[in-house]
Amino acid sequence: GTACEENEFARMRTCDETPASTENTMFELDITTTELGEEAKIKASNSNLCLTVEKYTDKTNRMNTKMKPCDGSDSQIWWTGGYGSFSGSVKFEVHPKGDPDYCLTTQHHPKDGEDARVEKCAFARKDVSNFWIKYTPE
């Protein structure tokens, strides 16, 4: 599909420098500042779907991410855990709210069509797949 759909896994796509491309869905960071720092909902542009973590799906403690209707639940809140910031950094880590030991990752250099998952940061950092980069259109 060309747009995110409910219950779809969050998948990587090759960037093509054209934000309006029908092949890719852009994401927005809905940032809130709290006493613990920044939190954000990661929302698909032009929709009410948010990146949502589904806790511990197998014995490896990896977690899937799916696009679900935005409801503000903790499973839809992400934070940087002190590794960069959503508003000030170009490069940052993304963690499920309150879980600094787990990172959003593609598990290695991202490939087109690959799922984004949450797994132990130690593994993501080893493969240097722990950082995300913010695209800012000119």
N, C-alpha and C. Protein backbone atom coordinates (compact mmCIF):
# COMPACT_ATOMS: atom_id res chain seq x y z
N GLY A 1 0.81 -1.19 0.00
CA GLY A 1 0.00 0.00 0.00
C GLY A 1 0.85 1.24 0.00
N THR A 2 0.25 2.36 -0.29
CA THR A 2 1.00 3.61 -0.36
C THR A 2 0.89 4.42 0.91
N ALA A 3 -0.06 4.10 1.75
CA ALA A 3 -0.22 4.83 3.01
C ALA A 3 -0.29 3.82 4.15
N CYS A 4 -0.01 4.28 5.35
CA CYS A 4 -0.11 3.40 6.50
C CYS A 4 -1.56 2.99 6.72
N GLU A 5 -1.72 1.74 7.10
CA GLU A 5 -3.05 1.23 7.42
C GLU A 5 -3.04 0.68 8.83
N GLU A 6 -4.20 0.70 9.48
CA GLU A 6 -4.32 0.20 10.84
C GLU A 6 -3.85 -1.26 10.93
N ASN A 7 -3.11 -1.56 12.00
CA ASN A 7 -2.56 -2.88 12.31
C ASN A 7 -1.42 -3.32 11.39
N GLU A 8 -0.99 -2.44 10.51
CA GLU A 8 0.15 -2.74 9.64
C GLU A 8 1.44 -2.58 10.44
N PHE A 9 2.42 -3.45 10.15
CA PHE A 9 3.74 -3.28 10.76
C PHE A 9 4.38 -2.01 10.22
N ALA A 10 5.18 -1.35 11.07
CA ALA A 10 5.94 -0.18 10.61
C ALA A 10 7.12 -0.70 9.81
N ARG A 11 7.18 -0.34 8.52
CA ARG A 11 8.23 -0.85 7.63
C ARG A 11 9.05 0.29 7.06
N MET A 12 10.31 -0.01 6.84
CA MET A 12 11.23 0.96 6.26
C MET A 12 11.00 1.04 4.75
N ARG A 13 11.18 2.24 4.23
CA ARG A 13 11.14 2.48 2.79
C ARG A 13 12.34 3.33 2.43
N THR A 14 12.84 3.16 1.23
CA THR A 14 13.95 3.96 0.75
C THR A 14 13.48 5.39 0.56
N CYS A 15 14.21 6.35 1.14
CA CYS A 15 13.87 7.76 0.98
C CYS A 15 14.18 8.18 -0.44
N ASP A 16 13.34 9.06 -0.98
CA ASP A 16 13.57 9.47 -2.37
C ASP A 16 13.62 10.99 -2.54
N GLU A 17 13.82 11.71 -1.45
CA GLU A 17 13.94 13.17 -1.49
C GLU A 17 12.64 13.87 -1.87
N THR A 18 11.56 13.14 -2.10
CA THR A 18 10.30 13.75 -2.47
C THR A 18 9.28 13.46 -1.38
N PRO A 19 9.12 14.38 -0.43
CA PRO A 19 8.21 14.11 0.68
C PRO A 19 6.79 13.79 0.25
N ALA A 20 6.35 14.33 -0.88
CA ALA A 20 4.98 14.09 -1.32
C ALA A 20 4.84 12.78 -2.08
N SER A 21 5.89 11.98 -2.13
CA SER A 21 5.86 10.72 -2.85
C SER A 21 4.70 9.86 -2.37
N THR A 22 4.02 9.23 -3.30
CA THR A 22 2.92 8.33 -2.93
C THR A 22 3.44 6.98 -2.47
N GLU A 23 4.74 6.75 -2.60
CA GLU A 23 5.32 5.46 -2.20
C GLU A 23 5.63 5.41 -0.70
N ASN A 24 5.75 6.55 -0.05
CA ASN A 24 6.19 6.59 1.34
C ASN A 24 5.26 7.44 2.18
N THR A 25 5.09 7.04 3.43
CA THR A 25 4.35 7.84 4.40
C THR A 25 5.36 8.55 5.27
N MET A 26 5.24 9.85 5.42
CA MET A 26 6.10 10.60 6.31
C MET A 26 5.49 10.54 7.71
N PHE A 27 6.34 10.72 8.71
CA PHE A 27 5.90 10.68 10.09
C PHE A 27 6.16 12.00 10.76
N GLU A 28 5.29 12.35 11.69
CA GLU A 28 5.43 13.58 12.47
C GLU A 28 5.70 13.21 13.92
N LEU A 29 6.49 14.04 14.58
CA LEU A 29 6.73 13.87 16.01
C LEU A 29 5.84 14.85 16.76
N ASP A 30 4.92 14.35 17.53
CA ASP A 30 4.07 15.18 18.38
C ASP A 30 4.74 15.20 19.76
N ILE A 31 5.53 16.25 20.00
CA ILE A 31 6.43 16.32 21.16
C ILE A 31 5.77 17.01 22.34
N THR A 32 5.94 16.43 23.53
CA THR A 32 5.50 17.02 24.79
C THR A 32 6.70 17.05 25.72
N THR A 33 6.89 18.16 26.43
CA THR A 33 7.96 18.25 27.41
C THR A 33 7.38 17.96 28.79
N THR A 34 8.01 17.01 29.50
CA THR A 34 7.57 16.65 30.85
C THR A 34 8.72 16.90 31.81
N GLU A 35 8.50 16.62 33.09
CA GLU A 35 9.56 16.80 34.08
C GLU A 35 10.72 15.83 33.84
N LEU A 36 10.48 14.77 33.09
CA LEU A 36 11.53 13.79 32.78
C LEU A 36 12.18 14.03 31.42
N GLY A 37 11.75 15.06 30.72
CA GLY A 37 12.30 15.35 29.39
C GLY A 37 11.22 15.25 28.32
N GLU A 38 11.66 15.09 27.10
CA GLU A 38 10.74 15.04 25.97
C GLU A 38 10.12 13.66 25.79
N GLU A 39 8.86 13.66 25.45
CA GLU A 39 8.14 12.47 25.02
C GLU A 39 7.52 12.81 23.68
N ALA A 40 7.26 11.79 22.87
CA ALA A 40 6.65 12.06 21.57
C ALA A 40 5.76 10.91 21.14
N LYS A 41 4.69 11.28 20.44
CA LYS A 41 3.93 10.31 19.66
C LYS A 41 4.54 10.38 18.26
N ILE A 42 4.72 9.23 17.64
CA ILE A 42 5.21 9.17 16.27
C ILE A 42 3.99 8.85 15.42
N LYS A 43 3.53 9.86 14.68
CA LYS A 43 2.25 9.79 14.00
C LYS A 43 2.45 9.82 12.48
N ALA A 44 1.73 8.96 11.78
CA ALA A 44 1.76 8.99 10.32
C ALA A 44 1.09 10.28 9.86
N SER A 45 1.76 10.98 8.95
CA SER A 45 1.21 12.24 8.44
C SER A 45 -0.16 12.01 7.81
N ASN A 46 -1.03 12.99 7.98
CA ASN A 46 -2.36 12.98 7.38
C ASN A 46 -3.19 11.77 7.78
N SER A 47 -3.01 11.31 9.03
CA SER A 47 -3.84 10.21 9.51
C SER A 47 -3.93 10.31 11.03
N ASN A 48 -4.71 9.43 11.63
CA ASN A 48 -4.78 9.34 13.08
C ASN A 48 -4.16 8.02 13.54
N LEU A 49 -3.07 7.60 12.87
CA LEU A 49 -2.38 6.37 13.23
C LEU A 49 -1.04 6.70 13.86
N CYS A 50 -0.75 6.01 14.98
CA CYS A 50 0.49 6.22 15.71
C CYS A 50 1.29 4.93 15.78
N LEU A 51 2.62 5.09 15.81
CA LEU A 51 3.50 3.96 16.01
C LEU A 51 3.28 3.43 17.42
N THR A 52 2.92 2.15 17.53
CA THR A 52 2.52 1.54 18.79
C THR A 52 3.37 0.30 19.03
N VAL A 53 3.90 0.18 20.24
CA VAL A 53 4.71 -1.00 20.56
C VAL A 53 3.81 -2.08 21.16
N GLU A 54 4.04 -3.30 20.73
CA GLU A 54 3.34 -4.45 21.28
C GLU A 54 4.35 -5.21 22.13
N LYS A 55 4.14 -5.23 23.42
CA LYS A 55 5.14 -5.75 24.37
C LYS A 55 5.48 -7.21 24.14
N TYR A 56 6.76 -7.50 24.32
CA TYR A 56 7.36 -8.83 24.38
C TYR A 56 6.59 -9.91 23.64
N THR A 57 6.86 -10.01 22.36
CA THR A 57 6.09 -10.91 21.51
C THR A 57 6.66 -12.32 21.43
N ASP A 58 7.88 -12.53 21.88
CA ASP A 58 8.44 -13.88 21.84
C ASP A 58 9.53 -14.02 22.90
N LYS A 59 10.17 -15.16 22.95
CA LYS A 59 11.16 -15.44 23.99
C LYS A 59 12.43 -14.61 23.86
N THR A 60 12.63 -13.96 22.73
CA THR A 60 13.82 -13.12 22.56
C THR A 60 13.63 -11.73 23.16
N ASN A 61 12.43 -11.46 23.66
CA ASN A 61 12.07 -10.14 24.20
C ASN A 61 12.05 -9.04 23.14
N ARG A 62 11.97 -9.41 21.88
CA ARG A 62 11.75 -8.41 20.83
C ARG A 62 10.28 -8.02 20.86
N MET A 63 10.03 -6.79 20.45
CA MET A 63 8.65 -6.30 20.41
C MET A 63 8.36 -5.77 19.01
N ASN A 64 7.19 -6.06 18.50
CA ASN A 64 6.77 -5.53 17.21
C ASN A 64 6.23 -4.12 17.38
N THR A 65 6.23 -3.40 16.28
CA THR A 65 5.55 -2.10 16.24
C THR A 65 4.49 -2.18 15.14
N LYS A 66 3.33 -1.63 15.45
CA LYS A 66 2.25 -1.58 14.47
C LYS A 66 1.64 -0.19 14.48
N MET A 67 0.96 0.12 13.40
CA MET A 67 0.24 1.39 13.30
C MET A 67 -1.16 1.18 13.87
N LYS A 68 -1.48 1.94 14.91
CA LYS A 68 -2.77 1.82 15.60
C LYS A 68 -3.38 3.22 15.72
N PRO A 69 -4.70 3.31 15.87
CA PRO A 69 -5.31 4.63 16.09
C PRO A 69 -4.69 5.31 17.31
N CYS A 70 -4.35 6.58 17.16
CA CYS A 70 -3.73 7.34 18.26
C CYS A 70 -4.72 7.44 19.41
N ASP A 71 -4.29 6.99 20.60
CA ASP A 71 -5.16 7.08 21.77
C ASP A 71 -4.43 7.64 22.99
N GLY A 72 -3.13 7.96 22.83
CA GLY A 72 -2.38 8.55 23.93
C GLY A 72 -1.92 7.56 24.99
N SER A 73 -2.12 6.27 24.76
CA SER A 73 -1.70 5.27 25.74
C SER A 73 -0.18 5.21 25.81
N ASP A 74 0.34 4.68 26.92
CA ASP A 74 1.79 4.59 27.09
C ASP A 74 2.45 3.78 25.97
N SER A 75 1.75 2.85 25.36
CA SER A 75 2.35 2.05 24.28
C SER A 75 2.58 2.88 23.02
N GLN A 76 2.06 4.12 23.01
CA GLN A 76 2.27 5.02 21.88
C GLN A 76 3.18 6.20 22.22
N ILE A 77 3.74 6.20 23.42
CA ILE A 77 4.62 7.29 23.83
C ILE A 77 6.07 6.81 23.77
N TRP A 78 6.91 7.61 23.16
CA TRP A 78 8.32 7.28 22.96
C TRP A 78 9.17 8.37 23.57
N TRP A 79 10.39 8.05 23.96
CA TRP A 79 11.31 9.05 24.47
C TRP A 79 12.73 8.70 24.07
N THR A 80 13.65 9.65 24.23
CA THR A 80 15.01 9.47 23.74
C THR A 80 15.95 8.91 24.79
N GLY A 81 15.56 8.85 26.04
CA GLY A 81 16.40 8.26 27.08
C GLY A 81 17.75 8.95 27.24
N GLY A 82 17.85 10.23 26.86
CA GLY A 82 19.10 10.96 27.03
C GLY A 82 20.06 10.83 25.86
N TYR A 83 19.71 10.06 24.83
CA TYR A 83 20.56 9.93 23.65
C TYR A 83 20.00 10.81 22.54
N GLY A 84 20.33 12.10 22.60
CA GLY A 84 19.77 13.07 21.67
C GLY A 84 18.43 13.57 22.18
N SER A 85 17.77 14.36 21.35
CA SER A 85 16.43 14.86 21.70
C SER A 85 15.59 14.95 20.43
N PHE A 86 14.29 14.82 20.58
CA PHE A 86 13.41 14.90 19.42
C PHE A 86 13.44 16.28 18.79
N SER A 87 13.52 17.34 19.60
CA SER A 87 13.41 18.68 19.06
C SER A 87 14.75 19.30 18.67
N GLY A 88 15.84 18.93 19.35
CA GLY A 88 17.10 19.61 19.11
C GLY A 88 18.14 18.84 18.34
N SER A 89 18.01 17.54 18.25
CA SER A 89 19.04 16.73 17.61
C SER A 89 18.60 16.28 16.23
N VAL A 90 19.57 16.08 15.37
CA VAL A 90 19.29 15.45 14.10
C VAL A 90 19.28 13.94 14.30
N LYS A 91 20.14 13.44 15.18
CA LYS A 91 20.30 12.00 15.42
C LYS A 91 19.92 11.70 16.87
N PHE A 92 19.11 10.64 17.07
CA PHE A 92 18.65 10.32 18.42
C PHE A 92 18.22 8.87 18.51
N GLU A 93 18.18 8.35 19.74
CA GLU A 93 17.60 7.03 19.98
C GLU A 93 16.12 7.19 20.29
N VAL A 94 15.37 6.11 20.05
CA VAL A 94 13.94 6.10 20.36
C VAL A 94 13.66 4.88 21.24
N HIS A 95 13.06 5.13 22.42
CA HIS A 95 12.76 4.08 23.39
C HIS A 95 11.26 4.08 23.70
N PRO A 96 10.68 2.90 23.98
CA PRO A 96 9.32 2.92 24.52
C PRO A 96 9.33 3.69 25.84
N LYS A 97 8.26 4.38 26.14
CA LYS A 97 8.19 5.19 27.36
C LYS A 97 8.56 4.35 28.58
N GLY A 98 9.51 4.87 29.37
CA GLY A 98 9.89 4.25 30.62
C GLY A 98 10.74 3.00 30.49
N ASP A 99 11.25 2.71 29.30
CA ASP A 99 12.00 1.47 29.10
C ASP A 99 13.34 1.76 28.39
N PRO A 100 14.32 2.32 29.13
CA PRO A 100 15.57 2.74 28.50
C PRO A 100 16.44 1.58 28.02
N ASP A 101 16.13 0.36 28.39
CA ASP A 101 16.92 -0.78 27.95
C ASP A 101 16.53 -1.28 26.56
N TYR A 102 15.44 -0.78 26.02
CA TYR A 102 14.95 -1.20 24.71
C TYR A 102 14.93 -0.02 23.74
N CYS A 103 15.29 -0.29 22.47
CA CYS A 103 15.38 0.74 21.43
C CYS A 103 14.58 0.33 20.20
N LEU A 104 14.05 1.33 19.52
CA LEU A 104 13.46 1.13 18.21
C LEU A 104 14.61 0.94 17.23
N THR A 105 14.58 -0.15 16.44
CA THR A 105 15.71 -0.48 15.57
C THR A 105 15.23 -1.27 14.35
N THR A 106 16.09 -1.32 13.36
CA THR A 106 15.88 -2.22 12.23
C THR A 106 16.82 -3.41 12.33
N GLN A 107 17.59 -3.49 13.41
CA GLN A 107 18.50 -4.57 13.76
C GLN A 107 19.80 -4.57 12.96
N HIS A 108 19.91 -3.79 11.92
CA HIS A 108 21.14 -3.62 11.13
C HIS A 108 20.88 -2.48 10.17
N HIS A 109 21.77 -2.23 9.23
CA HIS A 109 21.53 -1.16 8.25
C HIS A 109 20.18 -1.42 7.61
N PRO A 110 19.27 -0.44 7.63
CA PRO A 110 17.90 -0.70 7.17
C PRO A 110 17.84 -1.07 5.69
N LYS A 111 16.92 -2.00 5.42
CA LYS A 111 16.65 -2.41 4.05
C LYS A 111 15.20 -2.06 3.72
N ASP A 112 14.94 -1.76 2.48
CA ASP A 112 13.60 -1.44 2.03
C ASP A 112 12.64 -2.57 2.37
N GLY A 113 11.52 -2.25 3.00
CA GLY A 113 10.50 -3.22 3.34
C GLY A 113 10.70 -3.92 4.67
N GLU A 114 11.78 -3.61 5.38
CA GLU A 114 12.07 -4.26 6.66
C GLU A 114 11.25 -3.65 7.79
N ASP A 115 10.81 -4.49 8.73
CA ASP A 115 10.02 -4.03 9.87
C ASP A 115 10.90 -3.30 10.88
N ALA A 116 10.35 -2.26 11.48
CA ALA A 116 10.98 -1.62 12.65
C ALA A 116 10.50 -2.38 13.87
N ARG A 117 11.43 -2.74 14.74
CA ARG A 117 11.10 -3.49 15.96
C ARG A 117 11.75 -2.82 17.15
N VAL A 118 11.35 -3.28 18.31
CA VAL A 118 11.97 -2.83 19.55
C VAL A 118 12.70 -4.02 20.14
N GLU A 119 13.98 -3.81 20.47
CA GLU A 119 14.75 -4.88 21.09
C GLU A 119 15.79 -4.27 22.02
N LYS A 120 16.52 -5.11 22.73
CA LYS A 120 17.51 -4.62 23.68
C LYS A 120 18.47 -3.64 23.01
N CYS A 121 18.68 -2.50 23.63
CA CYS A 121 19.57 -1.48 23.08
C CYS A 121 21.00 -2.00 22.90
N ALA A 122 21.44 -2.89 23.77
CA ALA A 122 22.80 -3.43 23.65
C ALA A 122 23.02 -4.04 22.27
N PHE A 123 22.04 -4.74 21.74
CA PHE A 123 22.15 -5.33 20.41
C PHE A 123 22.12 -4.25 19.33
N ALA A 124 21.20 -3.31 19.47
CA ALA A 124 21.08 -2.24 18.48
C ALA A 124 22.35 -1.38 18.45
N ARG A 125 22.91 -1.10 19.60
CA ARG A 125 24.13 -0.29 19.65
C ARG A 125 25.31 -1.04 19.05
N LYS A 126 25.36 -2.33 19.26
CA LYS A 126 26.44 -3.15 18.70
C LYS A 126 26.43 -3.05 17.17
N ASP A 127 25.25 -3.08 16.58
CA ASP A 127 25.11 -3.01 15.13
C ASP A 127 24.98 -1.58 14.61
N VAL A 128 25.05 -0.61 15.53
CA VAL A 128 24.86 0.82 15.23
C VAL A 128 23.55 1.05 14.46
N SER A 129 22.51 0.35 14.90
CA SER A 129 21.18 0.55 14.33
C SER A 129 20.26 1.21 15.36
N ASN A 130 20.87 1.84 16.36
CA ASN A 130 20.12 2.45 17.45
C ASN A 130 19.71 3.88 17.18
N PHE A 131 20.32 4.54 16.20
CA PHE A 131 20.01 5.95 15.97
C PHE A 131 19.03 6.14 14.83
N TRP A 132 18.22 7.16 14.99
CA TRP A 132 17.27 7.60 13.97
C TRP A 132 17.65 9.01 13.58
N ILE A 133 17.35 9.39 12.36
CA ILE A 133 17.71 10.71 11.84
C ILE A 133 16.42 11.41 11.42
N LYS A 134 16.31 12.66 11.83
CA LYS A 134 15.12 13.47 11.53
C LYS A 134 15.27 14.13 10.17
N TYR A 135 14.28 13.95 9.32
CA TYR A 135 14.22 14.63 8.02
C TYR A 135 13.48 15.93 8.20
N THR A 136 14.10 17.02 7.82
CA THR A 136 13.46 18.32 7.91
C THR A 136 13.40 18.93 6.52
N PRO A 137 12.21 19.02 5.92
CA PRO A 137 12.11 19.60 4.57
C PRO A 137 12.53 21.06 4.59
N GLU A 138 13.12 21.47 3.51
CA GLU A 138 13.58 22.88 3.41
C GLU A 138 12.46 23.81 3.05
